């Protein structure tokens, strides 16, 4: 009798996607091999391609899942506070919590693709675009602070948004290098010092 191919009985795609996200988060796109994914998901290569299409398409899904379940918490924290300074503090503290919540440290959106080589370019561009979207969300919150009067009217919303996105990226890199939470929290006050007084 021919061996049955395809996804195993009881295959849970959402659970498999969660596992894939964790692998990409830990190893990055470049470091993750097909065998890492098929082994962790408990499926063979034909089943993998049937379920997810390709490593790249699975990476896209994994990043979207990361943003929806983990990354979105920092933006929610940013927008829930009524005062811009408090919102930015909450966002940075959330970024620290995210960056120190995995074994390898860091943020999938920052560390997912490190090298912009030809073989990684599509994945790198995808993450770059997601980071641009995040910067614009930060900028929108800063613009709201200007409109509400807790930041001065002449505050440079574009430069401040780039600054705070850059700080979240620095948090990710330093967490990956083994920085402790207290060391990372020490960065928050320095980052907030860039905010002009109303």
C-alpha atoms as a PDB file:
ATOM      1  CA  UNK A   1       0.000   0.000   0.000  1.00  0.00           C
ATOM      2  CA  UNK A   2       1.370   3.448  -0.914  1.00  0.00           C
ATOM      3  CA  UNK A   3       2.332   5.644   1.983  1.00  0.00           C
ATOM      4  CA  UNK A   4      -0.131   8.448   2.456  1.00  0.00           C
ATOM      5  CA  UNK A   5       1.276  11.899   1.746  1.00  0.00           C
ATOM      6  CA  UNK A   6      -0.017  15.227   2.848  1.00  0.00           C
ATOM      7  CA  UNK A   7      -0.692  16.812   6.170  1.00  0.00           C
ATOM      8  CA  UNK A   8      -1.016  14.437   9.111  1.00  0.00           C
ATOM      9  CA  UNK A   9      -4.409  13.872  10.667  1.00  0.00           C
ATOM     10  CA  UNK A  10      -5.157  16.516  13.227  1.00  0.00           C
ATOM     11  CA  UNK A  11      -2.805  19.083  11.653  1.00  0.00           C
ATOM     12  CA  UNK A  12      -3.478  22.409  13.344  1.00  0.00           C
ATOM     13  CA  UNK A  13      -2.399  25.166  10.983  1.00  0.00           C
ATOM     14  CA  UNK A  14      -2.694  27.972  13.545  1.00  0.00           C
ATOM     15  CA  UNK A  15      -0.552  26.059  16.044  1.00  0.00           C
ATOM     16  CA  UNK A  16       1.961  25.293  13.288  1.00  0.00           C
ATOM     17  CA  UNK A  17       2.098  28.995  12.413  1.00  0.00           C
ATOM     18  CA  UNK A  18       2.744  29.849  16.060  1.00  0.00           C
ATOM     19  CA  UNK A  19       5.636  27.363  16.156  1.00  0.00           C
ATOM     20  CA  UNK A  20       7.024  28.750  12.903  1.00  0.00           C
ATOM     21  CA  UNK A  21       6.891  32.275  14.309  1.00  0.00           C
ATOM     22  CA  UNK A  22       8.919  31.163  17.323  1.00  0.00           C
ATOM     23  CA  UNK A  23      11.530  29.512  15.087  1.00  0.00           C
ATOM     24  CA  UNK A  24      11.896  32.582  12.863  1.00  0.00           C
ATOM     25  CA  UNK A  25      12.082  34.766  15.974  1.00  0.00           C
ATOM     26  CA  UNK A  26      14.829  32.613  17.454  1.00  0.00           C
ATOM     27  CA  UNK A  27      16.870  31.844  14.341  1.00  0.00           C
ATOM     28  CA  UNK A  28      15.938  34.595  11.894  1.00  0.00           C
ATOM     29  CA  UNK A  29      14.872  34.107   8.295  1.00  0.00           C
ATOM     30  CA  UNK A  30      18.400  33.383   7.090  1.00  0.00           C
ATOM     31  CA  UNK A  31      19.158  30.907   9.856  1.00  0.00           C
ATOM     32  CA  UNK A  32      15.910  28.972   9.541  1.00  0.00           C
ATOM     33  CA  UNK A  33      16.118  25.969   7.225  1.00  0.00           C
ATOM     34  CA  UNK A  34      13.246  23.982   5.768  1.00  0.00           C
ATOM     35  CA  UNK A  35      14.217  21.010   7.948  1.00  0.00           C
ATOM     36  CA  UNK A  36      13.868  23.208  11.060  1.00  0.00           C
ATOM     37  CA  UNK A  37      10.324  24.037  10.068  1.00  0.00           C
ATOM     38  CA  UNK A  38       9.189  20.590   8.939  1.00  0.00           C
ATOM     39  CA  UNK A  39      10.681  18.982  12.035  1.00  0.00           C
ATOM     40  CA  UNK A  40       9.061  21.432  14.449  1.00  0.00           C
ATOM     41  CA  UNK A  41       5.719  21.298  12.647  1.00  0.00           C
ATOM     42  CA  UNK A  42       5.749  17.515  12.297  1.00  0.00           C
ATOM     43  CA  UNK A  43       5.134  17.504   8.542  1.00  0.00           C
ATOM     44  CA  UNK A  44       7.107  16.453   5.473  1.00  0.00           C
ATOM     45  CA  UNK A  45       8.239  18.896   2.750  1.00  0.00           C
ATOM     46  CA  UNK A  46       5.304  18.224   0.366  1.00  0.00           C
ATOM     47  CA  UNK A  47       2.889  18.828   3.225  1.00  0.00           C
ATOM     48  CA  UNK A  48       4.770  21.982   4.164  1.00  0.00           C
ATOM     49  CA  UNK A  49       4.481  23.397   0.648  1.00  0.00           C
ATOM     50  CA  UNK A  50       0.815  22.406   0.460  1.00  0.00           C
ATOM     51  CA  UNK A  51       0.068  24.163   3.741  1.00  0.00           C
ATOM     52  CA  UNK A  52       2.240  27.290   3.444  1.00  0.00           C
ATOM     53  CA  UNK A  53       3.471  27.607  -0.135  1.00  0.00           C
ATOM     54  CA  UNK A  54       7.092  28.474   0.625  1.00  0.00           C
ATOM     55  CA  UNK A  55       9.447  29.456   3.418  1.00  0.00           C
ATOM     56  CA  UNK A  56       9.048  33.090   2.364  1.00  0.00           C
ATOM     57  CA  UNK A  57       5.252  33.042   2.425  1.00  0.00           C
ATOM     58  CA  UNK A  58       5.336  31.333   5.824  1.00  0.00           C
ATOM     59  CA  UNK A  59       7.728  34.029   7.049  1.00  0.00           C
ATOM     60  CA  UNK A  60       5.270  36.709   5.935  1.00  0.00           C
ATOM     61  CA  UNK A  61       2.485  34.974   7.843  1.00  0.00           C
ATOM     62  CA  UNK A  62       4.703  34.532  10.892  1.00  0.00           C
ATOM     63  CA  UNK A  63       5.610  38.228  10.934  1.00  0.00           C
ATOM     64  CA  UNK A  64       1.950  39.210  10.618  1.00  0.00           C
ATOM     65  CA  UNK A  65       1.122  36.890  13.513  1.00  0.00           C
ATOM     66  CA  UNK A  66       3.955  38.416  15.564  1.00  0.00           C
ATOM     67  CA  UNK A  67       2.641  41.917  14.891  1.00  0.00           C
ATOM     68  CA  UNK A  68      -0.948  40.936  15.731  1.00  0.00           C
ATOM     69  CA  UNK A  69      -0.130  39.091  18.959  1.00  0.00           C
ATOM     70  CA  UNK A  70       3.115  40.573  20.308  1.00  0.00           C
ATOM     71  CA  UNK A  71       4.197  43.685  18.434  1.00  0.00           C
ATOM     72  CA  UNK A  72       0.780  45.336  18.571  1.00  0.00           C
ATOM     73  CA  UNK A  73       0.998  45.511  22.369  1.00  0.00           C
ATOM     74  CA  UNK A  74       3.608  48.267  22.178  1.00  0.00           C
ATOM     75  CA  UNK A  75       1.467  50.394  19.854  1.00  0.00           C
ATOM     76  CA  UNK A  76      -1.592  49.768  22.024  1.00  0.00           C
ATOM     77  CA  UNK A  77       0.421  50.959  25.030  1.00  0.00           C
ATOM     78  CA  UNK A  78       1.533  54.024  23.067  1.00  0.00           C
ATOM     79  CA  UNK A  79      -2.031  55.009  22.223  1.00  0.00           C
ATOM     80  CA  UNK A  80      -3.760  54.118  25.487  1.00  0.00           C
ATOM     81  CA  UNK A  81      -1.977  56.800  27.514  1.00  0.00           C
ATOM     82  CA  UNK A  82      -3.473  60.265  27.331  1.00  0.00           C
ATOM     83  CA  UNK A  83      -0.127  62.073  27.527  1.00  0.00           C
ATOM     84  CA  UNK A  84       2.379  61.546  24.734  1.00  0.00           C
ATOM     85  CA  UNK A  85       5.390  61.187  27.042  1.00  0.00           C
ATOM     86  CA  UNK A  86       3.615  58.493  29.059  1.00  0.00           C
ATOM     87  CA  UNK A  87       2.558  56.724  25.867  1.00  0.00           C
ATOM     88  CA  UNK A  88       6.111  56.682  24.516  1.00  0.00           C
ATOM     89  CA  UNK A  89       7.404  55.412  27.858  1.00  0.00           C
ATOM     90  CA  UNK A  90       4.824  52.616  27.821  1.00  0.00           C
ATOM     91  CA  UNK A  91       5.791  51.756  24.233  1.00  0.00           C
ATOM     92  CA  UNK A  92       9.506  51.534  25.097  1.00  0.00           C
ATOM     93  CA  UNK A  93       8.807  49.467  28.204  1.00  0.00           C
ATOM     94  CA  UNK A  94       6.646  47.169  26.078  1.00  0.00           C
ATOM     95  CA  UNK A  95       9.480  46.869  23.565  1.00  0.00           C
ATOM     96  CA  UNK A  96      11.778  45.798  26.405  1.00  0.00           C
ATOM     97  CA  UNK A  97       9.261  43.191  27.560  1.00  0.00           C
ATOM     98  CA  UNK A  98       8.961  41.835  24.002  1.00  0.00           C
ATOM     99  CA  UNK A  99      12.706  41.822  23.362  1.00  0.00           C
ATOM    100  CA  UNK A 100      13.438  39.887  26.542  1.00  0.00           C
ATOM    101  CA  UNK A 101      10.543  37.428  26.244  1.00  0.00           C
ATOM    102  CA  UNK A 102      12.251  34.986  23.865  1.00  0.00           C
ATOM    103  CA  UNK A 103      15.281  32.811  24.532  1.00  0.00           C
ATOM    104  CA  UNK A 104      17.404  34.521  21.897  1.00  0.00           C
ATOM    105  CA  UNK A 105      16.293  38.062  22.732  1.00  0.00           C
ATOM    106  CA  UNK A 106      15.340  40.815  20.349  1.00  0.00           C
ATOM    107  CA  UNK A 107      12.361  41.616  18.175  1.00  0.00           C
ATOM    108  CA  UNK A 108      11.355  39.582  15.125  1.00  0.00           C
ATOM    109  CA  UNK A 109      10.684  42.772  13.146  1.00  0.00           C
ATOM    110  CA  UNK A 110      14.255  43.944  13.741  1.00  0.00           C
ATOM    111  CA  UNK A 111      16.230  40.705  13.924  1.00  0.00           C
ATOM    112  CA  UNK A 112      14.187  38.602  11.486  1.00  0.00           C
ATOM    113  CA  UNK A 113      16.382  39.487   8.488  1.00  0.00           C
ATOM    114  CA  UNK A 114      19.755  41.030   9.229  1.00  0.00           C
ATOM    115  CA  UNK A 115      21.461  40.910   5.826  1.00  0.00           C
ATOM    116  CA  UNK A 116      20.029  42.582   2.737  1.00  0.00           C
ATOM    117  CA  UNK A 117      21.514  40.006   0.379  1.00  0.00           C
ATOM    118  CA  UNK A 118      19.901  39.063  -2.924  1.00  0.00           C
ATOM    119  CA  UNK A 119      18.541  35.769  -1.539  1.00  0.00           C
ATOM    120  CA  UNK A 120      16.930  37.563   1.423  1.00  0.00           C
ATOM    121  CA  UNK A 121      15.872  40.796  -0.295  1.00  0.00           C
ATOM    122  CA  UNK A 122      12.145  40.112  -0.435  1.00  0.00           C
ATOM    123  CA  UNK A 123      11.997  39.141   3.240  1.00  0.00           C
ATOM    124  CA  UNK A 124      14.176  42.112   4.202  1.00  0.00           C
ATOM    125  CA  UNK A 125      11.989  44.533   2.217  1.00  0.00           C
ATOM    126  CA  UNK A 126       8.872  43.085   3.844  1.00  0.00           C
ATOM    127  CA  UNK A 127      10.260  43.766   7.323  1.00  0.00           C
ATOM    128  CA  UNK A 128      11.517  47.212   6.294  1.00  0.00           C
ATOM    129  CA  UNK A 129       8.007  48.127   5.156  1.00  0.00           C
ATOM    130  CA  UNK A 130       6.550  46.884   8.439  1.00  0.00           C
ATOM    131  CA  UNK A 131       9.050  49.047  10.328  1.00  0.00           C
ATOM    132  CA  UNK A 132       8.062  52.058   8.212  1.00  0.00           C
ATOM    133  CA  UNK A 133       4.432  51.386   9.132  1.00  0.00           C
ATOM    134  CA  UNK A 134       5.420  51.296  12.801  1.00  0.00           C
ATOM    135  CA  UNK A 135       7.300  54.589  12.480  1.00  0.00           C
ATOM    136  CA  UNK A 136       4.187  56.181  10.973  1.00  0.00           C
ATOM    137  CA  UNK A 137       2.060  54.928  13.877  1.00  0.00           C
ATOM    138  CA  UNK A 138       4.518  56.531  16.292  1.00  0.00           C
ATOM    139  CA  UNK A 139       4.466  59.711  14.231  1.00  0.00           C
ATOM    140  CA  UNK A 140       0.661  59.803  14.319  1.00  0.00           C
ATOM    141  CA  UNK A 141       0.744  59.600  18.130  1.00  0.00           C
ATOM    142  CA  UNK A 142       3.285  62.431  18.288  1.00  0.00           C
ATOM    143  CA  UNK A 143       1.120  64.512  15.950  1.00  0.00           C
ATOM    144  CA  UNK A 144      -1.814  63.887  18.272  1.00  0.00           C
ATOM    145  CA  UNK A 145       0.317  65.102  21.168  1.00  0.00           C
ATOM    146  CA  UNK A 146       1.106  68.286  19.250  1.00  0.00           C
ATOM    147  CA  UNK A 147      -2.581  68.815  18.478  1.00  0.00           C
ATOM    148  CA  UNK A 148      -3.511  68.224  22.131  1.00  0.00           C
ATOM    149  CA  UNK A 149      -0.846  70.649  23.344  1.00  0.00           C
ATOM    150  CA  UNK A 150       1.341  68.297  25.390  1.00  0.00           C
ATOM    151  CA  UNK A 151       4.104  68.755  22.801  1.00  0.00           C
ATOM    152  CA  UNK A 152       5.009  72.156  21.312  1.00  0.00           C
ATOM    153  CA  UNK A 153       3.563  73.140  17.937  1.00  0.00           C
ATOM    154  CA  UNK A 154       7.037  73.286  16.395  1.00  0.00           C
ATOM    155  CA  UNK A 155       8.015  69.748  17.497  1.00  0.00           C
ATOM    156  CA  UNK A 156       9.530  67.761  14.611  1.00  0.00           C
ATOM    157  CA  UNK A 157       7.155  64.799  14.475  1.00  0.00           C
ATOM    158  CA  UNK A 158       9.133  63.052  11.740  1.00  0.00           C
ATOM    159  CA  UNK A 159      12.480  63.259  13.551  1.00  0.00           C
ATOM    160  CA  UNK A 160      10.929  62.243  16.869  1.00  0.00           C
ATOM    161  CA  UNK A 161       9.179  59.242  15.292  1.00  0.00           C
ATOM    162  CA  UNK A 162      12.467  58.118  13.721  1.00  0.00           C
ATOM    163  CA  UNK A 163      14.219  58.591  17.070  1.00  0.00           C
ATOM    164  CA  UNK A 164      11.768  56.479  19.042  1.00  0.00           C
ATOM    165  CA  UNK A 165      11.630  53.752  16.412  1.00  0.00           C
ATOM    166  CA  UNK A 166      15.443  53.752  16.501  1.00  0.00           C
ATOM    167  CA  UNK A 167      15.408  53.328  20.273  1.00  0.00           C
ATOM    168  CA  UNK A 168      13.126  50.289  19.978  1.00  0.00           C
ATOM    169  CA  UNK A 169      15.578  48.838  17.448  1.00  0.00           C
ATOM    170  CA  UNK A 170      18.508  49.527  19.790  1.00  0.00           C
ATOM    171  CA  UNK A 171      16.605  47.756  22.564  1.00  0.00           C
ATOM    172  CA  UNK A 172      16.204  44.735  20.293  1.00  0.00           C
ATOM    173  CA  UNK A 173      19.883  44.571  19.345  1.00  0.00           C
ATOM    174  CA  UNK A 174      21.059  45.008  22.920  1.00  0.00           C
ATOM    175  CA  UNK A 175      18.621  42.384  24.196  1.00  0.00           C
ATOM    176  CA  UNK A 176      19.970  39.982  21.562  1.00  0.00           C
ATOM    177  CA  UNK A 177      23.462  40.738  22.899  1.00  0.00           C
ATOM    178  CA  UNK A 178      22.343  39.754  26.388  1.00  0.00           C
ATOM    179  CA  UNK A 179      21.494  43.100  28.007  1.00  0.00           C
ATOM    180  CA  UNK A 180      19.389  42.712  31.141  1.00  0.00           C
ATOM    181  CA  UNK A 181      16.017  44.367  31.671  1.00  0.00           C
ATOM    182  CA  UNK A 182      17.484  46.923  34.137  1.00  0.00           C
ATOM    183  CA  UNK A 183      20.129  47.845  31.559  1.00  0.00           C
ATOM    184  CA  UNK A 184      17.461  48.277  28.919  1.00  0.00           C
ATOM    185  CA  UNK A 185      15.158  50.263  31.199  1.00  0.00           C
ATOM    186  CA  UNK A 186      18.046  52.674  31.805  1.00  0.00           C
ATOM    187  CA  UNK A 187      17.742  53.650  28.117  1.00  0.00           C
ATOM    188  CA  UNK A 188      14.176  54.849  28.505  1.00  0.00           C
ATOM    189  CA  UNK A 189      14.879  58.092  30.371  1.00  0.00           C
ATOM    190  CA  UNK A 190      17.598  59.084  27.915  1.00  0.00           C
ATOM    191  CA  UNK A 191      15.243  58.403  25.025  1.00  0.00           C
ATOM    192  CA  UNK A 192      12.457  60.502  26.551  1.00  0.00           C
ATOM    193  CA  UNK A 193      14.868  63.398  27.058  1.00  0.00           C
ATOM    194  CA  UNK A 194      14.586  64.017  23.303  1.00  0.00           C
ATOM    195  CA  UNK A 195      10.987  65.196  23.752  1.00  0.00           C
ATOM    196  CA  UNK A 196      10.651  68.987  23.774  1.00  0.00           C
ATOM    197  CA  UNK A 197       8.638  70.577  26.549  1.00  0.00           C
ATOM    198  CA  UNK A 198       5.228  71.981  25.696  1.00  0.00           C
END
